[in-house]
């Protein structure tokens, strides 16, 4: 989290949503400074929220509550603990803010759209989708693919989505690209490229358990 705060810079506020009964303030002085300076805000999820697997996460993200909490923002960057942004990347988060949804493009063998583990999203659009459509009856198994499908259906109304060529410059997961802004689960999905990835983006070693230099 401190890495994201550093790379994103002071214009971005990090909001950590967590379960209150599980929350323990990290002992890191840097984390405490970030809290004091309001660069990191901690907010608690509703009582009895369970996020034990990908399906429970998808059900949670496809309900209005989380999007209601971030309506002040024009765009949010959603990142999970198995994602990273690269400080050496030529691109910046701000280069992609024209899009209503962007993440690592998903290889067709695994589905459609963009992976949500590291993604930029339009919270107003996503709130409207959760109010207008039902994930539970959609037959789609993952929140990111559901949001992509619903967003795609709204392109005629002005929703702006990138093509694969642009999306892979933002992030890499199942489709490889040499110099993206970030990665989601690179060890799982790009084992054949992991040495080149770590050379380009040493921060990836924070995810692979090998020290980043």
N, C-alpha and C. Protein backbone atom coordinates (compact mmCIF):
# COMPACT_ATOMS: atom_id res chain seq x y z
N UNK A 1 0.82 -1.20 0.00
CA UNK A 1 0.00 0.00 0.00
C UNK A 1 0.86 1.26 0.00
N UNK A 2 1.93 1.24 0.79
CA UNK A 2 2.85 2.38 0.79
C UNK A 2 3.50 2.55 -0.57
N UNK A 3 3.76 1.44 -1.24
CA UNK A 3 4.33 1.52 -2.59
C UNK A 3 3.38 2.26 -3.52
N UNK A 4 2.10 1.91 -3.49
CA UNK A 4 1.13 2.60 -4.34
C UNK A 4 1.06 4.08 -3.98
N UNK A 5 1.06 4.39 -2.70
CA UNK A 5 1.01 5.79 -2.28
C UNK A 5 2.21 6.57 -2.81
N UNK A 6 3.37 5.93 -2.81
CA UNK A 6 4.59 6.59 -3.29
C UNK A 6 4.56 6.80 -4.79
N UNK A 7 4.20 5.76 -5.54
CA UNK A 7 4.21 5.84 -6.99
C UNK A 7 3.11 6.77 -7.50
N UNK A 8 1.94 6.73 -6.89
CA UNK A 8 0.84 7.57 -7.34
C UNK A 8 1.05 9.03 -7.00
N UNK A 9 1.73 9.31 -5.89
CA UNK A 9 2.00 10.69 -5.53
C UNK A 9 0.89 11.32 -4.71
N UNK A 10 1.09 12.57 -4.29
CA UNK A 10 0.18 13.21 -3.34
C UNK A 10 -1.20 13.55 -3.90
N UNK A 11 -1.36 13.56 -5.23
CA UNK A 11 -2.68 13.86 -5.80
C UNK A 11 -3.70 12.75 -5.53
N UNK A 12 -3.20 11.57 -5.24
CA UNK A 12 -4.07 10.42 -5.03
C UNK A 12 -4.14 10.08 -3.55
N UNK A 13 -5.35 9.92 -3.04
CA UNK A 13 -5.55 9.44 -1.67
C UNK A 13 -5.85 7.95 -1.71
N UNK A 14 -5.14 7.18 -0.90
CA UNK A 14 -5.37 5.74 -0.82
C UNK A 14 -6.46 5.47 0.22
N UNK A 15 -7.49 4.75 -0.17
CA UNK A 15 -8.57 4.37 0.75
C UNK A 15 -8.51 2.85 0.94
N UNK A 16 -8.26 2.44 2.16
CA UNK A 16 -8.22 1.03 2.50
C UNK A 16 -9.55 0.61 3.10
N UNK A 17 -10.28 -0.25 2.40
CA UNK A 17 -11.51 -0.82 2.93
C UNK A 17 -11.17 -2.16 3.57
N UNK A 18 -11.51 -2.31 4.83
CA UNK A 18 -11.16 -3.54 5.54
C UNK A 18 -12.24 -3.90 6.54
N UNK A 19 -12.13 -5.08 7.11
CA UNK A 19 -13.08 -5.56 8.11
C UNK A 19 -12.60 -5.12 9.49
N UNK A 20 -13.46 -4.42 10.22
CA UNK A 20 -13.04 -3.77 11.46
C UNK A 20 -12.46 -4.74 12.48
N UNK A 21 -13.09 -5.89 12.66
CA UNK A 21 -12.61 -6.81 13.70
C UNK A 21 -11.27 -7.44 13.34
N UNK A 22 -10.87 -7.35 12.08
CA UNK A 22 -9.59 -7.91 11.66
C UNK A 22 -8.49 -6.84 11.56
N UNK A 23 -8.86 -5.59 11.76
CA UNK A 23 -7.92 -4.50 11.49
C UNK A 23 -6.93 -4.31 12.62
N UNK A 24 -5.67 -4.33 12.27
CA UNK A 24 -4.58 -4.00 13.18
C UNK A 24 -3.71 -2.97 12.48
N UNK A 25 -3.50 -1.82 13.11
CA UNK A 25 -2.71 -0.77 12.49
C UNK A 25 -1.27 -1.24 12.36
N UNK A 26 -0.69 -1.21 11.16
CA UNK A 26 0.70 -1.61 10.99
C UNK A 26 1.63 -0.76 11.85
N UNK A 27 2.71 -1.35 12.30
CA UNK A 27 3.65 -0.64 13.17
C UNK A 27 4.60 0.27 12.40
N UNK A 28 4.59 0.19 11.08
CA UNK A 28 5.51 0.96 10.26
C UNK A 28 5.36 2.47 10.49
N UNK A 29 6.45 3.17 10.83
CA UNK A 29 6.37 4.64 10.97
C UNK A 29 5.90 5.31 9.68
N UNK A 30 6.31 4.77 8.54
CA UNK A 30 5.89 5.36 7.27
C UNK A 30 4.38 5.26 7.09
N UNK A 31 3.80 4.15 7.53
CA UNK A 31 2.35 3.99 7.44
C UNK A 31 1.65 4.98 8.36
N UNK A 32 2.17 5.15 9.56
CA UNK A 32 1.58 6.11 10.50
C UNK A 32 1.66 7.54 9.96
N UNK A 33 2.77 7.88 9.32
CA UNK A 33 2.89 9.21 8.72
C UNK A 33 1.84 9.39 7.62
N UNK A 34 1.67 8.36 6.82
CA UNK A 34 0.68 8.45 5.74
C UNK A 34 -0.73 8.62 6.30
N UNK A 35 -1.02 7.95 7.41
CA UNK A 35 -2.32 8.13 8.06
C UNK A 35 -2.47 9.55 8.59
N UNK A 36 -1.44 10.04 9.26
CA UNK A 36 -1.49 11.39 9.84
C UNK A 36 -1.65 12.45 8.76
N UNK A 37 -1.02 12.23 7.61
CA UNK A 37 -1.08 13.18 6.50
C UNK A 37 -2.30 12.95 5.61
N UNK A 38 -3.12 11.98 5.98
CA UNK A 38 -4.35 11.64 5.25
C UNK A 38 -4.06 11.19 3.81
N UNK A 39 -2.87 10.69 3.57
CA UNK A 39 -2.58 10.08 2.27
C UNK A 39 -3.15 8.68 2.20
N UNK A 40 -3.38 8.07 3.36
CA UNK A 40 -4.07 6.79 3.46
C UNK A 40 -5.23 6.95 4.43
N UNK A 41 -6.42 6.59 3.98
CA UNK A 41 -7.61 6.59 4.83
C UNK A 41 -8.09 5.16 5.02
N UNK A 42 -8.49 4.83 6.22
CA UNK A 42 -9.00 3.50 6.52
C UNK A 42 -10.51 3.59 6.74
N UNK A 43 -11.26 2.78 6.01
CA UNK A 43 -12.71 2.72 6.17
C UNK A 43 -13.11 1.27 6.39
N UNK A 44 -14.13 1.09 7.20
CA UNK A 44 -14.54 -0.27 7.54
C UNK A 44 -15.74 -0.71 6.71
N UNK A 45 -15.71 -1.96 6.34
CA UNK A 45 -16.79 -2.56 5.58
C UNK A 45 -18.01 -2.79 6.47
N UNK A 46 -19.18 -2.96 5.88
CA UNK A 46 -20.37 -3.22 6.70
C UNK A 46 -20.18 -4.47 7.56
N UNK A 47 -20.80 -4.49 8.73
CA UNK A 47 -20.71 -5.68 9.59
C UNK A 47 -21.14 -6.94 8.85
N UNK A 48 -20.50 -8.04 9.18
CA UNK A 48 -20.81 -9.35 8.61
C UNK A 48 -20.42 -9.49 7.14
N UNK A 49 -19.61 -8.56 6.63
CA UNK A 49 -19.09 -8.71 5.28
C UNK A 49 -18.09 -9.86 5.25
N UNK A 50 -18.28 -10.78 4.32
CA UNK A 50 -17.37 -11.92 4.17
C UNK A 50 -16.74 -11.87 2.79
N UNK A 51 -15.42 -11.84 2.74
CA UNK A 51 -14.69 -11.79 1.47
C UNK A 51 -13.68 -12.94 1.44
N UNK A 52 -14.19 -14.14 1.50
CA UNK A 52 -13.34 -15.31 1.68
C UNK A 52 -12.84 -15.92 0.38
N UNK A 53 -13.48 -15.59 -0.75
CA UNK A 53 -13.07 -16.15 -2.03
C UNK A 53 -13.49 -15.20 -3.14
N UNK A 54 -13.13 -15.56 -4.39
CA UNK A 54 -13.40 -14.67 -5.52
C UNK A 54 -14.90 -14.45 -5.73
N UNK A 55 -15.70 -15.46 -5.44
CA UNK A 55 -17.13 -15.31 -5.63
C UNK A 55 -17.74 -14.33 -4.64
N UNK A 56 -17.30 -14.38 -3.39
CA UNK A 56 -17.82 -13.44 -2.40
C UNK A 56 -17.36 -12.02 -2.72
N UNK A 57 -16.14 -11.87 -3.23
CA UNK A 57 -15.66 -10.55 -3.65
C UNK A 57 -16.50 -10.04 -4.81
N UNK A 58 -16.78 -10.90 -5.78
CA UNK A 58 -17.60 -10.48 -6.91
C UNK A 58 -18.99 -10.06 -6.47
N UNK A 59 -19.59 -10.83 -5.58
CA UNK A 59 -20.93 -10.45 -5.10
C UNK A 59 -20.90 -9.11 -4.37
N UNK A 60 -19.84 -8.88 -3.60
CA UNK A 60 -19.74 -7.62 -2.86
C UNK A 60 -19.57 -6.43 -3.81
N UNK A 61 -18.69 -6.57 -4.79
CA UNK A 61 -18.41 -5.45 -5.69
C UNK A 61 -19.56 -5.15 -6.64
N UNK A 62 -20.45 -6.10 -6.82
CA UNK A 62 -21.58 -5.88 -7.73
C UNK A 62 -22.83 -5.39 -7.01
N UNK A 63 -22.66 -5.00 -5.76
CA UNK A 63 -23.74 -4.34 -5.01
C UNK A 63 -23.39 -2.86 -4.87
N UNK A 64 -24.38 -1.98 -4.64
CA UNK A 64 -24.13 -0.54 -4.67
C UNK A 64 -23.21 -0.01 -3.57
N UNK A 65 -23.11 -0.66 -2.42
CA UNK A 65 -22.50 -0.03 -1.24
C UNK A 65 -21.13 0.54 -1.51
N UNK A 66 -20.23 -0.24 -2.05
CA UNK A 66 -18.84 0.21 -2.22
C UNK A 66 -18.77 1.41 -3.16
N UNK A 67 -19.60 1.42 -4.19
CA UNK A 67 -19.58 2.53 -5.16
C UNK A 67 -20.22 3.78 -4.58
N UNK A 68 -21.14 3.61 -3.65
CA UNK A 68 -21.72 4.77 -2.97
C UNK A 68 -20.68 5.48 -2.11
N UNK A 69 -19.68 4.77 -1.64
CA UNK A 69 -18.67 5.36 -0.76
C UNK A 69 -17.67 6.24 -1.50
N UNK A 70 -17.58 6.09 -2.82
CA UNK A 70 -16.52 6.78 -3.57
C UNK A 70 -17.09 7.69 -4.66
N UNK A 71 -18.31 8.15 -4.48
CA UNK A 71 -18.95 8.98 -5.49
C UNK A 71 -18.28 10.35 -5.64
N UNK A 72 -17.49 10.75 -4.66
CA UNK A 72 -16.79 12.03 -4.76
C UNK A 72 -15.74 12.01 -5.86
N UNK A 73 -15.28 10.82 -6.25
CA UNK A 73 -14.18 10.68 -7.21
C UNK A 73 -14.71 10.54 -8.63
N UNK A 74 -13.99 11.16 -9.58
CA UNK A 74 -14.32 10.98 -10.99
C UNK A 74 -13.87 9.61 -11.48
N UNK A 75 -12.73 9.17 -11.00
CA UNK A 75 -12.19 7.85 -11.29
C UNK A 75 -11.55 7.29 -10.03
N UNK A 76 -11.56 5.98 -9.90
CA UNK A 76 -10.81 5.33 -8.83
C UNK A 76 -9.85 4.31 -9.44
N UNK A 77 -8.75 4.07 -8.76
CA UNK A 77 -7.85 2.97 -9.10
C UNK A 77 -8.08 1.88 -8.06
N UNK A 78 -8.64 0.76 -8.49
CA UNK A 78 -8.86 -0.36 -7.58
C UNK A 78 -7.66 -1.30 -7.71
N UNK A 79 -7.01 -1.57 -6.58
CA UNK A 79 -5.89 -2.52 -6.63
C UNK A 79 -5.99 -3.51 -5.48
N UNK A 80 -5.69 -4.75 -5.79
CA UNK A 80 -5.68 -5.81 -4.81
C UNK A 80 -4.24 -6.12 -4.42
N UNK A 81 -4.06 -6.94 -3.40
CA UNK A 81 -2.72 -7.17 -2.86
C UNK A 81 -1.83 -7.98 -3.78
N UNK A 82 -2.39 -8.58 -4.82
CA UNK A 82 -1.58 -9.33 -5.78
C UNK A 82 -1.32 -8.55 -7.05
N UNK A 83 -1.37 -7.21 -6.94
CA UNK A 83 -1.08 -6.34 -8.08
C UNK A 83 0.01 -5.35 -7.71
N UNK A 84 0.60 -4.74 -8.74
CA UNK A 84 1.70 -3.80 -8.52
C UNK A 84 1.75 -2.82 -9.68
N UNK A 85 2.20 -1.60 -9.42
CA UNK A 85 2.51 -0.64 -10.47
C UNK A 85 4.02 -0.44 -10.50
N UNK A 86 4.54 -0.11 -11.67
CA UNK A 86 5.98 -0.07 -11.90
C UNK A 86 6.47 1.37 -11.94
N UNK A 87 7.42 1.69 -11.09
CA UNK A 87 7.92 3.06 -11.02
C UNK A 87 8.70 3.45 -12.26
N UNK A 88 9.22 2.48 -13.02
CA UNK A 88 10.00 2.77 -14.22
C UNK A 88 9.13 2.93 -15.47
N UNK A 89 7.85 2.68 -15.35
CA UNK A 89 6.98 2.74 -16.53
C UNK A 89 6.92 4.16 -17.09
N UNK A 90 6.92 4.25 -18.41
CA UNK A 90 6.81 5.56 -19.05
C UNK A 90 5.41 6.13 -18.89
N UNK A 91 4.42 5.27 -18.88
CA UNK A 91 3.04 5.72 -18.72
C UNK A 91 2.74 6.00 -17.25
N UNK A 92 1.71 6.78 -17.02
CA UNK A 92 1.25 7.09 -15.66
C UNK A 92 -0.25 6.81 -15.58
N UNK A 93 -0.74 6.67 -14.37
CA UNK A 93 -2.17 6.42 -14.17
C UNK A 93 -3.00 7.49 -14.87
N UNK A 94 -2.55 8.73 -14.78
CA UNK A 94 -3.32 9.83 -15.35
C UNK A 94 -3.49 9.71 -16.86
N UNK A 95 -2.63 8.94 -17.53
CA UNK A 95 -2.74 8.77 -18.98
C UNK A 95 -3.96 7.95 -19.38
N UNK A 96 -4.61 7.31 -18.42
CA UNK A 96 -5.72 6.41 -18.74
C UNK A 96 -7.05 6.86 -18.14
N UNK A 97 -7.09 8.05 -17.61
CA UNK A 97 -8.29 8.48 -16.89
C UNK A 97 -9.46 8.82 -17.81
N UNK A 98 -9.23 8.85 -19.12
CA UNK A 98 -10.36 9.10 -20.03
C UNK A 98 -11.27 7.90 -20.15
N UNK A 99 -10.80 6.75 -19.69
CA UNK A 99 -11.60 5.53 -19.83
C UNK A 99 -12.48 5.30 -18.61
N UNK A 100 -13.66 4.77 -18.87
CA UNK A 100 -14.58 4.46 -17.78
C UNK A 100 -14.23 3.15 -17.08
N UNK A 101 -13.48 2.30 -17.75
CA UNK A 101 -13.04 1.03 -17.18
C UNK A 101 -11.83 0.57 -17.98
N UNK A 102 -10.75 0.24 -17.29
CA UNK A 102 -9.58 -0.33 -17.95
C UNK A 102 -8.83 -1.18 -16.94
N UNK A 103 -8.38 -2.32 -17.40
CA UNK A 103 -7.54 -3.21 -16.62
C UNK A 103 -6.76 -4.08 -17.58
N UNK A 104 -6.03 -5.04 -17.07
CA UNK A 104 -5.31 -5.96 -17.95
C UNK A 104 -6.30 -6.70 -18.84
N UNK A 105 -6.08 -6.70 -20.17
CA UNK A 105 -7.02 -7.41 -21.03
C UNK A 105 -7.00 -8.91 -20.75
N UNK A 106 -8.16 -9.51 -20.80
CA UNK A 106 -8.31 -10.94 -20.51
C UNK A 106 -8.21 -11.73 -21.81
N UNK A 107 -7.36 -12.74 -21.83
CA UNK A 107 -7.25 -13.61 -22.99
C UNK A 107 -8.59 -14.28 -23.26
N UNK A 108 -9.01 -14.37 -24.54
CA UNK A 108 -10.33 -14.92 -24.85
C UNK A 108 -10.59 -16.30 -24.26
N UNK A 109 -9.56 -17.09 -24.03
CA UNK A 109 -9.79 -18.42 -23.47
C UNK A 109 -10.27 -18.37 -22.02
N UNK A 110 -10.10 -17.19 -21.38
CA UNK A 110 -10.51 -17.04 -19.99
C UNK A 110 -11.72 -16.14 -19.81
N UNK A 111 -12.19 -15.52 -20.88
CA UNK A 111 -13.35 -14.66 -20.75
C UNK A 111 -13.27 -13.43 -21.62
N UNK A 112 -13.85 -12.34 -21.14
CA UNK A 112 -13.92 -11.09 -21.91
C UNK A 112 -13.53 -9.91 -21.03
N UNK A 113 -13.14 -8.83 -21.68
CA UNK A 113 -12.95 -7.57 -20.97
C UNK A 113 -11.62 -7.43 -20.31
N UNK A 114 -11.64 -6.89 -19.09
CA UNK A 114 -10.42 -6.54 -18.37
C UNK A 114 -10.45 -7.16 -16.97
N UNK A 115 -9.27 -7.55 -16.49
CA UNK A 115 -9.18 -8.02 -15.12
C UNK A 115 -9.32 -6.85 -14.17
N UNK A 116 -10.04 -7.07 -13.07
CA UNK A 116 -10.33 -5.99 -12.14
C UNK A 116 -9.34 -5.82 -11.02
N UNK A 117 -8.36 -6.75 -10.88
CA UNK A 117 -7.45 -6.70 -9.74
C UNK A 117 -6.57 -5.48 -9.70
N UNK A 118 -6.31 -4.88 -10.86
CA UNK A 118 -5.65 -3.58 -10.99
C UNK A 118 -6.39 -2.86 -12.09
N UNK A 119 -7.25 -1.93 -11.73
CA UNK A 119 -8.14 -1.34 -12.73
C UNK A 119 -8.56 0.06 -12.36
N UNK A 120 -8.78 0.86 -13.39
CA UNK A 120 -9.39 2.19 -13.24
C UNK A 120 -10.87 2.05 -13.54
N UNK A 121 -11.71 2.65 -12.70
CA UNK A 121 -13.15 2.53 -12.86
C UNK A 121 -13.83 3.88 -12.62
N UNK A 122 -14.93 4.07 -13.31
CA UNK A 122 -15.78 5.25 -13.13
C UNK A 122 -16.84 4.91 -12.08
N UNK A 123 -16.72 5.43 -10.87
CA UNK A 123 -17.64 5.00 -9.81
C UNK A 123 -19.10 5.37 -10.06
N UNK A 124 -19.35 6.45 -10.78
CA UNK A 124 -20.74 6.81 -11.07
C UNK A 124 -21.36 5.80 -12.03
N UNK A 125 -20.60 5.43 -13.06
CA UNK A 125 -21.08 4.41 -13.99
C UNK A 125 -21.31 3.09 -13.27
N UNK A 126 -20.36 2.70 -12.44
CA UNK A 126 -20.47 1.40 -11.78
C UNK A 126 -21.62 1.37 -10.78
N UNK A 127 -21.88 2.49 -10.12
CA UNK A 127 -23.03 2.55 -9.23
C UNK A 127 -24.32 2.38 -10.03
N UNK A 128 -24.41 3.06 -11.16
CA UNK A 128 -25.61 2.94 -11.99
C UNK A 128 -25.81 1.50 -12.46
N UNK A 129 -24.71 0.85 -12.83
CA UNK A 129 -24.82 -0.54 -13.29
C UNK A 129 -25.34 -1.43 -12.17
N UNK A 130 -24.82 -1.26 -10.96
CA UNK A 130 -25.27 -2.11 -9.85
C UNK A 130 -26.73 -1.88 -9.51
N UNK A 131 -27.23 -0.70 -9.81
CA UNK A 131 -28.64 -0.40 -9.53
C UNK A 131 -29.56 -0.86 -10.66
N UNK A 132 -29.01 -0.91 -11.89
CA UNK A 132 -29.84 -1.21 -13.06
C UNK A 132 -29.82 -2.68 -13.47
N UNK A 133 -28.76 -3.40 -13.11
CA UNK A 133 -28.60 -4.77 -13.60
C UNK A 133 -28.31 -5.71 -12.43
N UNK A 134 -28.46 -7.00 -12.68
CA UNK A 134 -28.27 -8.00 -11.63
C UNK A 134 -27.12 -8.94 -11.99
N UNK A 135 -26.09 -8.93 -11.17
CA UNK A 135 -24.99 -9.88 -11.34
C UNK A 135 -25.47 -11.30 -11.04
N UNK A 136 -26.31 -11.45 -10.04
CA UNK A 136 -26.71 -12.77 -9.57
C UNK A 136 -27.45 -13.57 -10.63
N UNK A 137 -28.17 -12.89 -11.52
CA UNK A 137 -28.94 -13.59 -12.55
C UNK A 137 -28.31 -13.50 -13.93
N UNK A 138 -27.09 -12.96 -14.00
CA UNK A 138 -26.45 -12.71 -15.30
C UNK A 138 -25.83 -13.96 -15.91
N UNK A 139 -25.48 -14.94 -15.08
CA UNK A 139 -24.77 -16.10 -15.59
C UNK A 139 -23.29 -15.87 -15.78
N UNK A 140 -22.80 -14.70 -15.40
CA UNK A 140 -21.37 -14.37 -15.51
C UNK A 140 -20.74 -14.60 -14.15
N UNK A 141 -19.58 -15.25 -14.13
CA UNK A 141 -19.00 -15.69 -12.87
C UNK A 141 -18.13 -14.69 -12.14
N UNK A 142 -17.69 -13.62 -12.83
CA UNK A 142 -16.72 -12.71 -12.23
C UNK A 142 -17.18 -11.27 -12.39
N UNK A 143 -16.98 -10.48 -11.33
CA UNK A 143 -17.47 -9.10 -11.33
C UNK A 143 -16.87 -8.27 -12.44
N UNK A 144 -15.56 -8.45 -12.72
CA UNK A 144 -14.92 -7.61 -13.73
C UNK A 144 -15.48 -7.88 -15.12
N UNK A 145 -15.75 -9.16 -15.44
CA UNK A 145 -16.32 -9.48 -16.74
C UNK A 145 -17.78 -9.03 -16.84
N UNK A 146 -18.49 -9.07 -15.71
CA UNK A 146 -19.86 -8.56 -15.70
C UNK A 146 -19.89 -7.05 -15.92
N UNK A 147 -19.04 -6.33 -15.19
CA UNK A 147 -19.00 -4.88 -15.37
C UNK A 147 -18.57 -4.51 -16.80
N UNK A 148 -17.64 -5.28 -17.37
CA UNK A 148 -17.24 -5.01 -18.75
C UNK A 148 -18.43 -5.20 -19.69
N UNK A 149 -19.14 -6.30 -19.53
CA UNK A 149 -20.28 -6.59 -20.41
C UNK A 149 -21.34 -5.50 -20.30
N UNK A 150 -21.63 -5.07 -19.07
CA UNK A 150 -22.62 -4.02 -18.88
C UNK A 150 -22.13 -2.67 -19.40
N UNK A 151 -20.84 -2.39 -19.23
CA UNK A 151 -20.27 -1.15 -19.75
C UNK A 151 -20.28 -1.15 -21.27
N UNK A 152 -19.94 -2.28 -21.87
CA UNK A 152 -19.93 -2.40 -23.33
C UNK A 152 -21.30 -2.12 -23.90
N UNK A 153 -22.33 -2.58 -23.21
CA UNK A 153 -23.70 -2.36 -23.67
C UNK A 153 -24.11 -0.89 -23.61
N UNK A 154 -23.33 -0.08 -22.90
CA UNK A 154 -23.64 1.34 -22.74
C UNK A 154 -22.73 2.24 -23.58
N UNK A 155 -21.94 1.66 -24.47
CA UNK A 155 -21.03 2.48 -25.28
C UNK A 155 -21.79 3.49 -26.13
N UNK A 156 -22.96 3.13 -26.60
CA UNK A 156 -23.75 4.06 -27.41
C UNK A 156 -24.18 5.28 -26.60
N UNK A 157 -24.15 5.16 -25.28
CA UNK A 157 -24.51 6.27 -24.39
C UNK A 157 -23.29 7.06 -23.93
N UNK A 158 -22.14 6.78 -24.53
CA UNK A 158 -20.95 7.57 -24.24
C UNK A 158 -19.91 6.90 -23.37
N UNK A 159 -20.13 5.66 -22.95
CA UNK A 159 -19.13 4.95 -22.14
C UNK A 159 -17.89 4.71 -23.00
N UNK A 160 -16.73 5.02 -22.44
CA UNK A 160 -15.46 4.95 -23.18
C UNK A 160 -14.63 3.78 -22.67
N UNK A 161 -14.42 2.78 -23.52
CA UNK A 161 -13.63 1.60 -23.18
C UNK A 161 -12.46 1.47 -24.15
N UNK A 162 -11.29 1.08 -23.67
CA UNK A 162 -10.13 0.93 -24.55
C UNK A 162 -10.14 -0.42 -25.26
N UNK A 163 -9.43 -0.48 -26.39
CA UNK A 163 -9.24 -1.77 -27.03
C UNK A 163 -8.08 -2.51 -26.37
N UNK A 164 -7.83 -3.74 -26.81
CA UNK A 164 -6.80 -4.56 -26.18
C UNK A 164 -5.42 -3.92 -26.29
N UNK A 165 -5.13 -3.28 -27.43
CA UNK A 165 -3.81 -2.69 -27.64
C UNK A 165 -3.51 -1.62 -26.60
N UNK A 166 -4.51 -0.86 -26.20
CA UNK A 166 -4.33 0.17 -25.17
C UNK A 166 -4.33 -0.47 -23.79
N UNK A 167 -5.26 -1.38 -23.55
CA UNK A 167 -5.41 -1.98 -22.22
C UNK A 167 -4.14 -2.70 -21.77
N UNK A 168 -3.43 -3.34 -22.70
CA UNK A 168 -2.23 -4.08 -22.29
C UNK A 168 -1.07 -3.16 -21.95
N UNK A 169 -1.13 -1.90 -22.38
CA UNK A 169 -0.11 -0.94 -21.93
C UNK A 169 -0.39 -0.47 -20.51
N UNK A 170 -1.64 -0.63 -20.07
CA UNK A 170 -1.99 -0.29 -18.70
C UNK A 170 -1.57 -1.40 -17.74
N UNK A 171 -1.94 -2.63 -18.04
CA UNK A 171 -1.62 -3.73 -17.13
C UNK A 171 -1.55 -5.05 -17.88
N UNK A 172 -0.78 -5.97 -17.32
CA UNK A 172 -0.61 -7.31 -17.88
C UNK A 172 -1.09 -8.34 -16.87
N UNK A 173 -1.86 -9.29 -17.38
CA UNK A 173 -2.20 -10.48 -16.61
C UNK A 173 -2.06 -11.68 -17.53
N UNK A 174 -3.11 -12.05 -18.29
CA UNK A 174 -3.05 -13.23 -19.14
C UNK A 174 -2.49 -12.95 -20.53
N UNK A 175 -2.40 -11.69 -20.94
CA UNK A 175 -1.84 -11.32 -22.24
C UNK A 175 -0.55 -10.54 -22.00
N UNK A 176 0.55 -11.03 -22.54
CA UNK A 176 1.85 -10.44 -22.25
C UNK A 176 2.10 -9.18 -23.07
N UNK A 177 2.76 -8.23 -22.42
CA UNK A 177 3.26 -7.00 -23.06
C UNK A 177 4.50 -6.60 -22.30
N UNK A 178 5.50 -6.08 -23.02
CA UNK A 178 6.82 -5.89 -22.42
C UNK A 178 6.88 -4.79 -21.37
N UNK A 179 6.19 -3.68 -21.58
CA UNK A 179 6.40 -2.52 -20.70
C UNK A 179 5.08 -1.90 -20.24
N UNK A 180 4.27 -2.63 -19.51
CA UNK A 180 3.02 -2.06 -19.01
C UNK A 180 3.25 -1.16 -17.80
N UNK A 181 2.21 -0.47 -17.42
CA UNK A 181 2.26 0.32 -16.19
C UNK A 181 2.24 -0.57 -14.96
N UNK A 182 1.55 -1.70 -15.03
CA UNK A 182 1.46 -2.56 -13.86
C UNK A 182 1.15 -4.00 -14.21
N UNK A 183 1.07 -4.82 -13.17
CA UNK A 183 0.83 -6.25 -13.34
C UNK A 183 -0.19 -6.74 -12.31
N UNK A 184 -0.89 -7.80 -12.70
CA UNK A 184 -1.74 -8.53 -11.76
C UNK A 184 -1.37 -10.01 -11.84
N UNK A 185 -0.99 -10.58 -10.71
CA UNK A 185 -0.61 -11.99 -10.60
C UNK A 185 0.39 -12.42 -11.68
N UNK A 186 1.52 -11.73 -11.81
CA UNK A 186 2.46 -12.08 -12.89
C UNK A 186 3.08 -13.46 -12.74
N UNK A 187 3.33 -13.90 -11.51
CA UNK A 187 3.94 -15.22 -11.32
C UNK A 187 3.00 -16.33 -11.79
N UNK A 188 1.73 -16.16 -11.55
CA UNK A 188 0.75 -17.17 -11.96
C UNK A 188 0.57 -17.21 -13.47
N UNK A 189 0.46 -16.03 -14.08
CA UNK A 189 0.06 -15.98 -15.48
C UNK A 189 1.21 -15.81 -16.46
N UNK A 190 2.35 -15.32 -16.00
CA UNK A 190 3.48 -15.07 -16.90
C UNK A 190 4.77 -15.72 -16.40
N UNK A 191 4.76 -16.99 -16.01
CA UNK A 191 5.98 -17.60 -15.48
C UNK A 191 7.12 -17.65 -16.48
N UNK A 192 6.81 -17.76 -17.77
CA UNK A 192 7.87 -17.82 -18.79
C UNK A 192 8.55 -16.48 -18.99
N UNK A 193 7.93 -15.40 -18.54
CA UNK A 193 8.49 -14.06 -18.73
C UNK A 193 8.92 -13.41 -17.42
N UNK A 194 8.88 -14.16 -16.32
CA UNK A 194 9.03 -13.52 -15.01
C UNK A 194 10.40 -12.86 -14.84
N UNK A 195 11.46 -13.42 -15.41
CA UNK A 195 12.78 -12.78 -15.26
C UNK A 195 12.81 -11.44 -15.97
N UNK A 196 12.27 -11.38 -17.18
CA UNK A 196 12.22 -10.11 -17.91
C UNK A 196 11.31 -9.12 -17.19
N UNK A 197 10.21 -9.61 -16.64
CA UNK A 197 9.29 -8.74 -15.90
C UNK A 197 9.98 -8.14 -14.69
N UNK A 198 10.71 -8.96 -13.93
CA UNK A 198 11.39 -8.47 -12.73
C UNK A 198 12.51 -7.50 -13.07
N UNK A 199 13.14 -7.69 -14.22
CA UNK A 199 14.18 -6.75 -14.63
C UNK A 199 13.58 -5.40 -14.98
N UNK A 200 12.45 -5.42 -15.68
CA UNK A 200 11.77 -4.18 -16.05
C UNK A 200 11.11 -3.53 -14.84
N UNK A 201 10.51 -4.35 -13.98
CA UNK A 201 9.71 -3.84 -12.86
C UNK A 201 10.13 -4.56 -11.58
N UNK A 202 11.23 -4.12 -10.95
CA UNK A 202 11.72 -4.81 -9.74
C UNK A 202 10.68 -4.91 -8.63
N UNK A 203 9.71 -4.01 -8.63
CA UNK A 203 8.68 -4.05 -7.59
C UNK A 203 7.88 -5.36 -7.61
N UNK A 204 7.88 -6.03 -8.75
CA UNK A 204 7.17 -7.31 -8.85
C UNK A 204 7.69 -8.31 -7.82
N UNK A 205 8.94 -8.14 -7.41
CA UNK A 205 9.52 -9.06 -6.42
C UNK A 205 8.82 -8.95 -5.07
N UNK A 206 8.12 -7.85 -4.84
CA UNK A 206 7.29 -7.75 -3.64
C UNK A 206 6.18 -8.79 -3.66
N UNK A 207 5.75 -9.18 -4.87
CA UNK A 207 4.68 -10.16 -5.02
C UNK A 207 5.23 -11.58 -5.07
N UNK A 208 6.44 -11.73 -5.60
CA UNK A 208 7.00 -13.07 -5.79
C UNK A 208 7.78 -13.56 -4.59
N UNK A 209 7.94 -12.70 -3.57
CA UNK A 209 8.66 -13.11 -2.38
C UNK A 209 10.16 -12.98 -2.49
N UNK A 210 10.63 -12.35 -3.57
CA UNK A 210 12.06 -12.12 -3.74
C UNK A 210 12.31 -10.64 -3.60
N UNK A 211 13.33 -10.30 -2.93
CA UNK A 211 13.57 -8.91 -2.55
C UNK A 211 13.73 -8.01 -3.76
N UNK A 212 13.00 -6.89 -3.74
CA UNK A 212 13.16 -5.89 -4.79
C UNK A 212 14.32 -4.97 -4.43
N UNK A 213 15.20 -4.75 -5.39
CA UNK A 213 16.39 -3.91 -5.15
C UNK A 213 16.17 -2.54 -5.77
